[in-house]
């Protein structure tokens, strides 16, 4: 399976990704909560970004949260990854102070660091989807609060979802996604070596 972005004027392919089997499962999962667990370099954050862009474009007026635990991690990884992946012509503007991306179709995506996010701020959100990077660092209370905000109108019921990535660790996720998985949860596990063709040899070594 391949994901591509085209130039809006020429139709030329400006970026393309050939998905691994695990990435393809992540992309096509029908479950409400999808957790992608795997080693460094297996393409987890890329898939978060691509899926967020997909849902922003598919539903004009969507409102999407992307988060990571701390501000530094958010700024140095998730935000940078987003602007590397997302073509400029899809973005109307980036409000840096608000950490908000406005898409050309009226959808909005906000970046938040989830160690300081307040219960009041979460309760005020009306989300169509949420994306959490390095979910092993996030408390279950924050996860449940965000899950409870998936109520945006105009989004197909099956597409109001949470997508998460994490490194394989024994956290609260283990019970809910692997040991006694909830019916609405989907766990996808991947190896770094599965993404070998997209990584430098010295990294694999």
N, C-alpha and C. Protein backbone atom coordinates (compact mmCIF):
# COMPACT_ATOMS: atom_id res chain seq x y z
N UNK A 1 0.85 -1.19 0.00
CA UNK A 1 0.00 0.00 0.00
C UNK A 1 0.88 1.24 0.00
N UNK A 2 0.47 2.25 -0.77
CA UNK A 2 1.27 3.46 -0.89
C UNK A 2 0.41 4.69 -0.56
N UNK A 3 1.01 5.63 0.17
CA UNK A 3 0.38 6.92 0.46
C UNK A 3 1.15 7.99 -0.30
N UNK A 4 0.41 8.84 -1.04
CA UNK A 4 1.06 9.84 -1.88
C UNK A 4 0.39 11.19 -1.73
N UNK A 5 1.18 12.25 -1.90
CA UNK A 5 0.67 13.61 -2.02
C UNK A 5 1.04 14.13 -3.40
N UNK A 6 0.06 14.79 -4.04
CA UNK A 6 0.28 15.35 -5.37
C UNK A 6 0.43 16.87 -5.31
N UNK A 7 1.18 17.42 -6.24
CA UNK A 7 1.23 18.86 -6.45
C UNK A 7 -0.15 19.33 -6.90
N UNK A 8 -0.67 20.38 -6.27
CA UNK A 8 -2.05 20.81 -6.56
C UNK A 8 -2.24 21.35 -7.97
N UNK A 9 -1.15 21.78 -8.60
CA UNK A 9 -1.26 22.37 -9.94
C UNK A 9 -0.87 21.40 -11.05
N UNK A 10 0.19 20.65 -10.83
CA UNK A 10 0.71 19.79 -11.90
C UNK A 10 0.27 18.34 -11.79
N UNK A 11 -0.20 17.93 -10.60
CA UNK A 11 -0.54 16.53 -10.39
C UNK A 11 0.67 15.65 -10.16
N UNK A 12 1.85 16.26 -10.14
CA UNK A 12 3.09 15.51 -9.90
C UNK A 12 3.14 15.01 -8.46
N UNK A 13 3.63 13.79 -8.27
CA UNK A 13 3.78 13.23 -6.92
C UNK A 13 4.93 13.95 -6.22
N UNK A 14 4.64 14.61 -5.10
CA UNK A 14 5.68 15.36 -4.39
C UNK A 14 6.23 14.60 -3.19
N UNK A 15 5.48 13.62 -2.69
CA UNK A 15 5.98 12.76 -1.62
C UNK A 15 5.21 11.45 -1.63
N UNK A 16 5.90 10.39 -1.23
CA UNK A 16 5.31 9.06 -1.33
C UNK A 16 5.90 8.15 -0.26
N UNK A 17 5.06 7.29 0.30
CA UNK A 17 5.51 6.33 1.30
C UNK A 17 4.92 4.96 0.98
N UNK A 18 5.76 3.96 0.90
CA UNK A 18 5.33 2.57 0.75
C UNK A 18 5.20 2.00 2.16
N UNK A 19 4.00 1.66 2.57
CA UNK A 19 3.76 1.24 3.95
C UNK A 19 4.21 -0.19 4.19
N UNK A 20 4.71 -0.43 5.41
CA UNK A 20 4.98 -1.79 5.84
C UNK A 20 3.64 -2.46 6.18
N UNK A 21 3.67 -3.76 6.43
CA UNK A 21 2.45 -4.48 6.76
C UNK A 21 1.81 -3.92 8.04
N UNK A 22 2.64 -3.60 9.03
CA UNK A 22 2.11 -3.06 10.29
C UNK A 22 1.55 -1.66 10.09
N UNK A 23 2.23 -0.84 9.32
CA UNK A 23 1.72 0.49 9.03
C UNK A 23 0.39 0.42 8.28
N UNK A 24 0.28 -0.54 7.36
CA UNK A 24 -0.96 -0.71 6.61
C UNK A 24 -2.10 -1.14 7.53
N UNK A 25 -1.81 -2.01 8.48
CA UNK A 25 -2.83 -2.41 9.47
C UNK A 25 -3.29 -1.22 10.28
N UNK A 26 -2.34 -0.38 10.67
CA UNK A 26 -2.68 0.84 11.42
C UNK A 26 -3.60 1.72 10.60
N UNK A 27 -3.26 1.92 9.34
CA UNK A 27 -4.02 2.80 8.46
C UNK A 27 -5.46 2.30 8.25
N UNK A 28 -5.62 0.99 8.15
CA UNK A 28 -6.91 0.43 7.79
C UNK A 28 -7.72 -0.11 8.97
N UNK A 29 -7.19 -0.01 10.19
CA UNK A 29 -7.90 -0.56 11.34
C UNK A 29 -9.28 0.08 11.50
N UNK A 30 -10.32 -0.74 11.75
CA UNK A 30 -11.67 -0.21 11.93
C UNK A 30 -12.01 0.10 13.39
N UNK A 31 -11.06 -0.12 14.31
CA UNK A 31 -11.36 0.00 15.74
C UNK A 31 -11.36 1.46 16.19
N UNK A 32 -12.01 1.71 17.33
CA UNK A 32 -12.14 3.06 17.87
C UNK A 32 -10.82 3.59 18.43
N UNK A 33 -10.04 2.70 19.05
CA UNK A 33 -8.76 3.09 19.62
C UNK A 33 -7.67 2.18 19.04
N UNK A 34 -6.71 2.79 18.36
CA UNK A 34 -5.67 2.03 17.68
C UNK A 34 -4.32 2.38 18.30
N UNK A 35 -3.62 1.36 18.79
CA UNK A 35 -2.32 1.56 19.43
C UNK A 35 -1.24 0.87 18.60
N UNK A 36 -0.27 1.65 18.18
CA UNK A 36 0.86 1.15 17.38
C UNK A 36 2.07 1.08 18.30
N UNK A 37 2.48 -0.13 18.66
CA UNK A 37 3.60 -0.34 19.57
C UNK A 37 4.77 -0.94 18.79
N UNK A 38 5.95 -0.36 18.96
CA UNK A 38 7.09 -0.91 18.22
C UNK A 38 8.39 -0.24 18.58
N UNK A 39 9.47 -0.80 18.04
CA UNK A 39 10.81 -0.30 18.31
C UNK A 39 11.07 1.04 17.62
N UNK A 40 12.18 1.66 18.00
CA UNK A 40 12.58 2.92 17.40
C UNK A 40 12.76 2.74 15.89
N UNK A 41 12.24 3.70 15.13
CA UNK A 41 12.48 3.68 13.69
C UNK A 41 11.51 2.85 12.88
N UNK A 42 10.44 2.33 13.50
CA UNK A 42 9.51 1.49 12.73
C UNK A 42 8.41 2.32 12.06
N UNK A 43 8.48 3.64 12.16
CA UNK A 43 7.56 4.50 11.42
C UNK A 43 6.26 4.81 12.14
N UNK A 44 6.29 4.80 13.48
CA UNK A 44 5.07 5.05 14.25
C UNK A 44 4.60 6.50 14.12
N UNK A 45 5.50 7.45 14.35
CA UNK A 45 5.12 8.87 14.33
C UNK A 45 4.69 9.31 12.93
N UNK A 46 5.32 8.76 11.91
CA UNK A 46 4.92 9.06 10.54
C UNK A 46 3.46 8.68 10.33
N UNK A 47 3.05 7.52 10.82
CA UNK A 47 1.68 7.07 10.61
C UNK A 47 0.69 7.94 11.38
N UNK A 48 1.06 8.39 12.57
CA UNK A 48 0.19 9.33 13.29
C UNK A 48 -0.07 10.56 12.45
N UNK A 49 1.00 11.10 11.89
CA UNK A 49 0.91 12.34 11.11
C UNK A 49 0.08 12.14 9.85
N UNK A 50 0.35 11.08 9.11
CA UNK A 50 -0.39 10.83 7.87
C UNK A 50 -1.88 10.63 8.15
N UNK A 51 -2.20 9.89 9.20
CA UNK A 51 -3.61 9.63 9.50
C UNK A 51 -4.32 10.90 9.97
N UNK A 52 -3.63 11.74 10.71
CA UNK A 52 -4.22 13.01 11.16
C UNK A 52 -4.54 13.90 9.96
N UNK A 53 -3.62 13.97 9.00
CA UNK A 53 -3.86 14.75 7.79
C UNK A 53 -5.03 14.17 7.01
N UNK A 54 -5.09 12.84 6.92
CA UNK A 54 -6.17 12.17 6.21
C UNK A 54 -7.53 12.55 6.80
N UNK A 55 -7.67 12.49 8.12
CA UNK A 55 -8.96 12.79 8.75
C UNK A 55 -9.29 14.28 8.70
N UNK A 56 -8.26 15.11 8.70
CA UNK A 56 -8.50 16.55 8.56
C UNK A 56 -9.05 16.87 7.17
N UNK A 57 -8.52 16.22 6.15
CA UNK A 57 -8.95 16.49 4.78
C UNK A 57 -10.27 15.81 4.45
N UNK A 58 -10.53 14.65 5.05
CA UNK A 58 -11.74 13.89 4.73
C UNK A 58 -13.00 14.56 5.27
N UNK A 59 -12.86 15.27 6.41
CA UNK A 59 -14.01 15.90 7.04
C UNK A 59 -13.76 17.40 7.22
N UNK A 60 -14.21 18.22 6.29
CA UNK A 60 -14.06 19.67 6.45
C UNK A 60 -14.67 20.14 7.77
N UNK A 61 -13.93 20.99 8.48
CA UNK A 61 -14.40 21.46 9.77
C UNK A 61 -14.06 20.54 10.93
N UNK A 62 -13.27 19.50 10.68
CA UNK A 62 -12.86 18.60 11.75
C UNK A 62 -11.97 19.34 12.74
N UNK A 63 -11.93 18.84 13.97
CA UNK A 63 -11.08 19.44 15.02
C UNK A 63 -10.31 18.31 15.68
N UNK A 64 -8.99 18.32 15.53
CA UNK A 64 -8.13 17.18 15.88
C UNK A 64 -7.07 17.60 16.89
N UNK A 65 -6.85 16.77 17.87
CA UNK A 65 -5.80 16.98 18.87
C UNK A 65 -4.62 16.06 18.56
N UNK A 66 -3.41 16.62 18.57
CA UNK A 66 -2.19 15.82 18.53
C UNK A 66 -1.37 16.18 19.76
N UNK A 67 -0.94 15.17 20.52
CA UNK A 67 -0.24 15.48 21.75
C UNK A 67 0.88 14.54 22.08
N UNK A 68 1.76 15.04 22.93
CA UNK A 68 2.84 14.26 23.52
C UNK A 68 3.05 14.80 24.93
N UNK A 69 3.78 14.09 25.76
CA UNK A 69 3.79 14.42 27.18
C UNK A 69 4.28 15.83 27.48
N UNK A 70 5.49 16.19 27.03
CA UNK A 70 6.06 17.47 27.41
C UNK A 70 6.15 18.42 26.23
N UNK A 71 6.29 19.70 26.54
CA UNK A 71 6.39 20.71 25.50
C UNK A 71 7.63 20.49 24.63
N UNK A 72 8.77 20.17 25.28
CA UNK A 72 10.02 19.98 24.53
C UNK A 72 9.88 18.82 23.54
N UNK A 73 9.33 17.71 24.01
CA UNK A 73 9.13 16.55 23.13
C UNK A 73 8.17 16.89 21.99
N UNK A 74 7.13 17.62 22.31
CA UNK A 74 6.15 18.03 21.31
C UNK A 74 6.80 18.90 20.24
N UNK A 75 7.57 19.89 20.68
CA UNK A 75 8.20 20.83 19.77
C UNK A 75 9.29 20.17 18.93
N UNK A 76 10.08 19.32 19.56
CA UNK A 76 11.25 18.75 18.88
C UNK A 76 10.92 17.55 17.99
N UNK A 77 9.76 16.94 18.19
CA UNK A 77 9.47 15.73 17.40
C UNK A 77 8.16 15.84 16.63
N UNK A 78 7.04 15.89 17.33
CA UNK A 78 5.75 15.77 16.67
C UNK A 78 5.45 16.95 15.74
N UNK A 79 5.69 18.16 16.21
CA UNK A 79 5.42 19.34 15.37
C UNK A 79 6.35 19.36 14.17
N UNK A 80 7.63 19.08 14.39
CA UNK A 80 8.58 19.04 13.27
C UNK A 80 8.20 17.97 12.26
N UNK A 81 7.82 16.80 12.74
CA UNK A 81 7.42 15.70 11.86
C UNK A 81 6.21 16.12 11.01
N UNK A 82 5.26 16.79 11.63
CA UNK A 82 4.07 17.20 10.91
C UNK A 82 4.41 18.12 9.74
N UNK A 83 5.24 19.12 9.97
CA UNK A 83 5.53 20.09 8.91
C UNK A 83 6.49 19.53 7.84
N UNK A 84 7.22 18.48 8.17
CA UNK A 84 8.01 17.79 7.16
C UNK A 84 7.10 16.99 6.24
N UNK A 85 6.08 16.37 6.81
CA UNK A 85 5.21 15.46 6.06
C UNK A 85 4.10 16.19 5.30
N UNK A 86 3.47 17.18 5.93
CA UNK A 86 2.29 17.81 5.35
C UNK A 86 2.65 18.83 4.28
N UNK A 87 2.16 18.69 3.05
CA UNK A 87 2.44 19.67 2.00
C UNK A 87 1.91 21.06 2.36
N UNK A 88 2.67 22.09 2.03
CA UNK A 88 2.32 23.46 2.39
C UNK A 88 0.96 23.87 1.83
N UNK A 89 0.61 23.37 0.63
CA UNK A 89 -0.61 23.86 0.00
C UNK A 89 -1.88 23.38 0.69
N UNK A 90 -1.75 22.42 1.62
CA UNK A 90 -2.91 21.96 2.37
C UNK A 90 -3.18 22.82 3.60
N UNK A 91 -2.21 23.67 3.97
CA UNK A 91 -2.30 24.47 5.18
C UNK A 91 -2.66 25.91 4.84
N UNK A 92 -3.74 26.40 5.45
CA UNK A 92 -4.13 27.80 5.28
C UNK A 92 -3.22 28.70 6.09
N UNK A 93 -3.01 28.33 7.36
CA UNK A 93 -2.07 29.07 8.21
C UNK A 93 -1.74 28.26 9.46
N UNK A 94 -0.59 28.60 10.05
CA UNK A 94 -0.17 28.00 11.31
C UNK A 94 -0.11 29.11 12.34
N UNK A 95 -0.95 29.02 13.36
CA UNK A 95 -0.96 29.99 14.45
C UNK A 95 -0.01 29.49 15.52
N UNK A 96 1.22 29.98 15.47
CA UNK A 96 2.29 29.41 16.30
C UNK A 96 2.02 29.57 17.79
N UNK A 97 1.52 30.71 18.20
CA UNK A 97 1.27 30.94 19.63
C UNK A 97 0.21 29.98 20.16
N UNK A 98 -0.77 29.69 19.34
CA UNK A 98 -1.85 28.79 19.75
C UNK A 98 -1.51 27.33 19.44
N UNK A 99 -0.41 27.11 18.70
CA UNK A 99 -0.04 25.78 18.23
C UNK A 99 -1.23 25.12 17.52
N UNK A 100 -1.74 25.86 16.54
CA UNK A 100 -2.92 25.42 15.81
C UNK A 100 -2.67 25.52 14.30
N UNK A 101 -2.94 24.42 13.60
CA UNK A 101 -2.87 24.39 12.14
C UNK A 101 -4.29 24.52 11.59
N UNK A 102 -4.48 25.47 10.69
CA UNK A 102 -5.75 25.60 10.00
C UNK A 102 -5.58 25.11 8.57
N UNK A 103 -6.38 24.12 8.19
CA UNK A 103 -6.31 23.56 6.84
C UNK A 103 -7.18 24.37 5.88
N UNK A 104 -6.94 24.18 4.60
CA UNK A 104 -7.66 24.94 3.58
C UNK A 104 -9.15 24.60 3.54
N UNK A 105 -9.56 23.47 4.10
CA UNK A 105 -10.97 23.07 4.09
C UNK A 105 -11.69 23.41 5.38
N UNK A 106 -11.04 24.18 6.27
CA UNK A 106 -11.68 24.59 7.52
C UNK A 106 -11.40 23.69 8.71
N UNK A 107 -10.76 22.56 8.50
CA UNK A 107 -10.38 21.70 9.63
C UNK A 107 -9.25 22.36 10.42
N UNK A 108 -9.19 22.03 11.71
CA UNK A 108 -8.13 22.55 12.57
C UNK A 108 -7.47 21.40 13.33
N UNK A 109 -6.19 21.54 13.56
CA UNK A 109 -5.41 20.57 14.32
C UNK A 109 -4.63 21.34 15.37
N UNK A 110 -4.78 20.95 16.64
CA UNK A 110 -4.06 21.62 17.71
C UNK A 110 -3.03 20.67 18.31
N UNK A 111 -1.86 21.23 18.64
CA UNK A 111 -0.80 20.48 19.31
C UNK A 111 -0.84 20.83 20.81
N UNK A 112 -0.80 19.82 21.67
CA UNK A 112 -0.80 20.05 23.11
C UNK A 112 0.19 19.10 23.80
N UNK A 113 0.90 19.67 24.82
CA UNK A 113 1.72 18.78 25.66
C UNK A 113 0.84 18.33 26.81
N UNK A 114 0.84 17.02 27.05
CA UNK A 114 -0.20 16.40 27.85
C UNK A 114 0.17 16.20 29.31
N UNK A 115 1.32 16.72 29.75
CA UNK A 115 1.63 16.65 31.18
C UNK A 115 1.01 17.83 31.94
N UNK A 116 0.74 18.92 31.24
CA UNK A 116 0.22 20.12 31.88
C UNK A 116 -1.20 20.46 31.45
N UNK A 117 -1.75 19.69 30.54
CA UNK A 117 -3.09 20.00 30.05
C UNK A 117 -4.09 19.89 31.20
N UNK A 118 -4.97 20.85 31.32
CA UNK A 118 -5.87 20.90 32.47
C UNK A 118 -7.17 20.15 32.16
N UNK A 119 -7.82 19.71 33.22
CA UNK A 119 -9.10 19.03 33.06
C UNK A 119 -10.12 19.97 32.41
N UNK A 120 -10.04 21.25 32.75
CA UNK A 120 -10.96 22.24 32.18
C UNK A 120 -10.76 22.36 30.68
N UNK A 121 -9.49 22.40 30.24
CA UNK A 121 -9.22 22.53 28.81
C UNK A 121 -9.71 21.30 28.05
N UNK A 122 -9.47 20.11 28.61
CA UNK A 122 -9.94 18.89 27.96
C UNK A 122 -11.46 18.88 27.84
N UNK A 123 -12.15 19.27 28.92
CA UNK A 123 -13.61 19.25 28.93
C UNK A 123 -14.22 20.20 27.93
N UNK A 124 -13.47 21.24 27.56
CA UNK A 124 -14.00 22.23 26.61
C UNK A 124 -13.81 21.80 25.16
N UNK A 125 -13.08 20.71 24.93
CA UNK A 125 -12.78 20.28 23.57
C UNK A 125 -13.95 19.52 22.96
N UNK A 126 -14.12 19.69 21.66
CA UNK A 126 -15.14 18.99 20.89
C UNK A 126 -14.41 18.33 19.73
N UNK A 127 -13.87 17.14 19.98
CA UNK A 127 -12.91 16.52 19.08
C UNK A 127 -13.55 15.58 18.07
N UNK A 128 -12.96 15.56 16.88
CA UNK A 128 -13.30 14.55 15.89
C UNK A 128 -12.33 13.38 15.94
N UNK A 129 -11.10 13.63 16.44
CA UNK A 129 -10.09 12.58 16.55
C UNK A 129 -8.97 13.08 17.46
N UNK A 130 -8.21 12.14 18.01
CA UNK A 130 -7.06 12.50 18.84
C UNK A 130 -5.90 11.56 18.52
N UNK A 131 -4.69 12.12 18.55
CA UNK A 131 -3.46 11.39 18.23
C UNK A 131 -2.46 11.63 19.35
N UNK A 132 -2.00 10.54 19.97
CA UNK A 132 -1.08 10.64 21.10
C UNK A 132 0.20 9.89 20.77
N UNK A 133 1.31 10.61 20.78
CA UNK A 133 2.62 10.01 20.51
C UNK A 133 3.29 9.65 21.84
N UNK A 134 4.00 8.52 21.85
CA UNK A 134 4.67 8.02 23.06
C UNK A 134 3.66 7.89 24.20
N UNK A 135 2.62 7.14 23.95
CA UNK A 135 1.52 7.02 24.90
C UNK A 135 1.92 6.36 26.21
N UNK A 136 3.06 5.68 26.24
CA UNK A 136 3.51 5.07 27.50
C UNK A 136 3.79 6.11 28.58
N UNK A 137 3.98 7.38 28.17
CA UNK A 137 4.24 8.46 29.11
C UNK A 137 2.97 9.15 29.60
N UNK A 138 1.82 8.77 29.06
CA UNK A 138 0.56 9.45 29.35
C UNK A 138 -0.24 8.66 30.37
N UNK A 139 -0.80 9.37 31.35
CA UNK A 139 -1.60 8.69 32.37
C UNK A 139 -2.93 8.22 31.78
N UNK A 140 -3.49 7.21 32.40
CA UNK A 140 -4.77 6.69 31.95
C UNK A 140 -5.88 7.73 32.13
N UNK A 141 -5.78 8.55 33.17
CA UNK A 141 -6.79 9.59 33.40
C UNK A 141 -6.85 10.59 32.24
N UNK A 142 -5.68 11.00 31.75
CA UNK A 142 -5.64 11.94 30.62
C UNK A 142 -6.22 11.26 29.38
N UNK A 143 -5.84 10.01 29.15
CA UNK A 143 -6.36 9.25 28.00
C UNK A 143 -7.88 9.17 28.05
N UNK A 144 -8.44 8.81 29.22
CA UNK A 144 -9.89 8.68 29.33
C UNK A 144 -10.60 10.01 29.15
N UNK A 145 -9.97 11.08 29.65
CA UNK A 145 -10.56 12.41 29.49
C UNK A 145 -10.63 12.80 28.02
N UNK A 146 -9.56 12.52 27.29
CA UNK A 146 -9.54 12.83 25.85
C UNK A 146 -10.55 11.95 25.10
N UNK A 147 -10.60 10.69 25.46
CA UNK A 147 -11.54 9.77 24.82
C UNK A 147 -12.98 10.25 24.98
N UNK A 148 -13.27 10.85 26.14
CA UNK A 148 -14.62 11.35 26.40
C UNK A 148 -14.99 12.59 25.62
N UNK A 149 -14.01 13.17 24.91
CA UNK A 149 -14.27 14.39 24.13
C UNK A 149 -14.52 14.09 22.65
N UNK A 150 -14.56 12.83 22.27
CA UNK A 150 -14.78 12.48 20.86
C UNK A 150 -16.28 12.57 20.56
N UNK A 151 -16.73 13.77 20.29
CA UNK A 151 -18.18 14.00 20.16
C UNK A 151 -18.52 14.96 19.02
N UNK A 152 -17.56 15.24 18.16
CA UNK A 152 -17.79 16.24 17.12
C UNK A 152 -18.83 15.77 16.10
N UNK A 153 -19.76 16.65 15.78
CA UNK A 153 -20.77 16.35 14.79
C UNK A 153 -20.18 16.44 13.39
N UNK A 154 -20.79 15.72 12.46
CA UNK A 154 -20.34 15.77 11.07
C UNK A 154 -19.23 14.80 10.75
N UNK A 155 -18.80 14.02 11.75
CA UNK A 155 -17.77 13.00 11.56
C UNK A 155 -18.44 11.63 11.63
N UNK A 156 -18.17 10.77 10.68
CA UNK A 156 -18.75 9.42 10.72
C UNK A 156 -18.42 8.76 12.06
N UNK A 157 -19.40 8.05 12.61
CA UNK A 157 -19.21 7.43 13.93
C UNK A 157 -17.93 6.61 13.99
N UNK A 158 -17.63 5.87 12.93
CA UNK A 158 -16.45 5.02 12.93
C UNK A 158 -15.14 5.78 12.82
N UNK A 159 -15.20 7.07 12.52
CA UNK A 159 -13.97 7.85 12.36
C UNK A 159 -13.72 8.82 13.52
N UNK A 160 -14.54 8.78 14.57
CA UNK A 160 -14.20 9.51 15.80
C UNK A 160 -13.32 8.57 16.62
N UNK A 161 -12.03 8.74 16.52
CA UNK A 161 -11.11 7.74 17.05
C UNK A 161 -9.93 8.35 17.80
N UNK A 162 -9.24 7.48 18.52
CA UNK A 162 -7.95 7.82 19.11
C UNK A 162 -6.90 6.90 18.48
N UNK A 163 -5.83 7.50 18.03
CA UNK A 163 -4.66 6.77 17.52
C UNK A 163 -3.48 7.07 18.44
N UNK A 164 -2.76 6.03 18.84
CA UNK A 164 -1.63 6.21 19.75
C UNK A 164 -0.42 5.42 19.28
N UNK A 165 0.76 5.88 19.66
CA UNK A 165 1.98 5.11 19.47
C UNK A 165 2.69 4.97 20.81
N UNK A 166 3.49 3.92 20.92
CA UNK A 166 4.28 3.76 22.15
C UNK A 166 5.43 2.80 21.89
N UNK A 167 6.44 2.88 22.75
CA UNK A 167 7.49 1.88 22.80
C UNK A 167 7.01 0.75 23.71
N UNK A 168 7.42 -0.48 23.45
CA UNK A 168 6.90 -1.62 24.22
C UNK A 168 7.36 -1.57 25.67
N UNK A 169 6.45 -1.23 26.56
CA UNK A 169 6.72 -1.18 27.99
C UNK A 169 5.50 -1.71 28.76
N UNK A 170 5.73 -2.17 29.98
CA UNK A 170 4.62 -2.68 30.81
C UNK A 170 3.94 -1.51 31.51
N UNK A 171 3.02 -0.89 30.82
CA UNK A 171 2.24 0.21 31.37
C UNK A 171 0.77 -0.23 31.43
N UNK A 172 -0.12 0.70 31.76
CA UNK A 172 -1.55 0.37 31.84
C UNK A 172 -2.10 -0.12 30.50
N UNK A 173 -1.41 0.20 29.41
CA UNK A 173 -1.87 -0.22 28.09
C UNK A 173 -1.85 -1.75 27.94
N UNK A 174 -0.93 -2.40 28.65
CA UNK A 174 -0.75 -3.85 28.47
C UNK A 174 -2.04 -4.60 28.75
N UNK A 175 -2.71 -4.28 29.85
CA UNK A 175 -3.94 -4.98 30.21
C UNK A 175 -5.05 -4.70 29.21
N UNK A 176 -5.20 -3.46 28.80
CA UNK A 176 -6.34 -3.07 27.97
C UNK A 176 -6.18 -3.38 26.49
N UNK A 177 -4.93 -3.56 26.05
CA UNK A 177 -4.71 -3.80 24.63
C UNK A 177 -4.15 -5.19 24.31
N UNK A 178 -3.59 -5.88 25.32
CA UNK A 178 -2.97 -7.17 25.04
C UNK A 178 -3.44 -8.28 25.97
N UNK A 179 -3.40 -8.03 27.27
CA UNK A 179 -3.73 -9.08 28.23
C UNK A 179 -5.22 -9.42 28.19
N UNK A 180 -6.06 -8.40 28.37
CA UNK A 180 -7.51 -8.55 28.28
C UNK A 180 -8.06 -7.43 27.41
N UNK A 181 -7.82 -7.48 26.11
CA UNK A 181 -8.14 -6.35 25.24
C UNK A 181 -9.63 -6.05 25.17
N UNK A 182 -9.96 -4.77 25.23
CA UNK A 182 -11.34 -4.34 25.05
C UNK A 182 -11.72 -4.51 23.58
N UNK A 183 -12.96 -4.82 23.28
CA UNK A 183 -13.38 -5.05 21.89
C UNK A 183 -13.11 -3.87 20.97
N UNK A 184 -13.13 -2.66 21.52
CA UNK A 184 -12.95 -1.47 20.68
C UNK A 184 -11.48 -1.13 20.45
N UNK A 185 -10.57 -1.87 21.09
CA UNK A 185 -9.14 -1.57 21.00
C UNK A 185 -8.44 -2.47 19.99
N UNK A 186 -7.43 -1.89 19.33
CA UNK A 186 -6.62 -2.66 18.37
C UNK A 186 -5.15 -2.40 18.67
N UNK A 187 -4.40 -3.46 18.92
CA UNK A 187 -2.97 -3.36 19.16
C UNK A 187 -2.21 -3.86 17.94
N UNK A 188 -1.33 -3.01 17.44
CA UNK A 188 -0.47 -3.38 16.31
C UNK A 188 0.97 -3.32 16.80
N UNK A 189 1.69 -4.42 16.68
CA UNK A 189 3.07 -4.49 17.15
C UNK A 189 4.01 -4.64 15.96
N UNK A 190 5.08 -3.86 15.98
CA UNK A 190 6.01 -3.85 14.85
C UNK A 190 7.45 -3.87 15.33
N UNK A 191 8.31 -4.37 14.47
CA UNK A 191 9.74 -4.40 14.73
C UNK A 191 10.42 -3.28 13.95
N UNK A 192 11.51 -2.76 14.49
CA UNK A 192 12.32 -1.79 13.76
C UNK A 192 12.74 -2.37 12.41
N UNK A 193 13.10 -3.66 12.39
CA UNK A 193 13.59 -4.29 11.17
C UNK A 193 12.53 -4.39 10.07
N UNK A 194 11.27 -4.29 10.45
CA UNK A 194 10.21 -4.30 9.45
C UNK A 194 10.32 -3.08 8.52
N UNK A 195 10.90 -2.01 9.05
CA UNK A 195 11.05 -0.76 8.29
C UNK A 195 12.48 -0.59 7.79
N UNK A 196 13.21 -1.69 7.66
CA UNK A 196 14.64 -1.65 7.36
C UNK A 196 14.96 -0.89 6.08
N UNK A 197 14.13 -1.02 5.06
CA UNK A 197 14.45 -0.39 3.77
C UNK A 197 14.42 1.13 3.83
N UNK A 198 13.79 1.70 4.87
CA UNK A 198 13.71 3.15 5.00
C UNK A 198 14.68 3.71 6.03
N UNK A 199 15.59 2.86 6.52
CA UNK A 199 16.53 3.30 7.55
C UNK A 199 17.97 3.12 7.08
N UNK A 200 18.88 4.01 7.51
CA UNK A 200 20.29 3.85 7.14
C UNK A 200 20.86 2.55 7.72
N UNK A 201 21.82 1.98 7.00
CA UNK A 201 22.41 0.71 7.43
C UNK A 201 23.04 0.83 8.82
N UNK A 202 23.70 1.96 9.09
CA UNK A 202 24.36 2.11 10.38
C UNK A 202 23.34 2.15 11.51
N UNK A 203 22.13 2.66 11.23
CA UNK A 203 21.07 2.68 12.24
C UNK A 203 20.63 1.25 12.54
N UNK A 204 20.43 0.45 11.51
CA UNK A 204 20.04 -0.95 11.69
C UNK A 204 21.12 -1.71 12.45
N UNK A 205 22.37 -1.48 12.09
CA UNK A 205 23.48 -2.16 12.77
C UNK A 205 23.49 -1.84 14.26
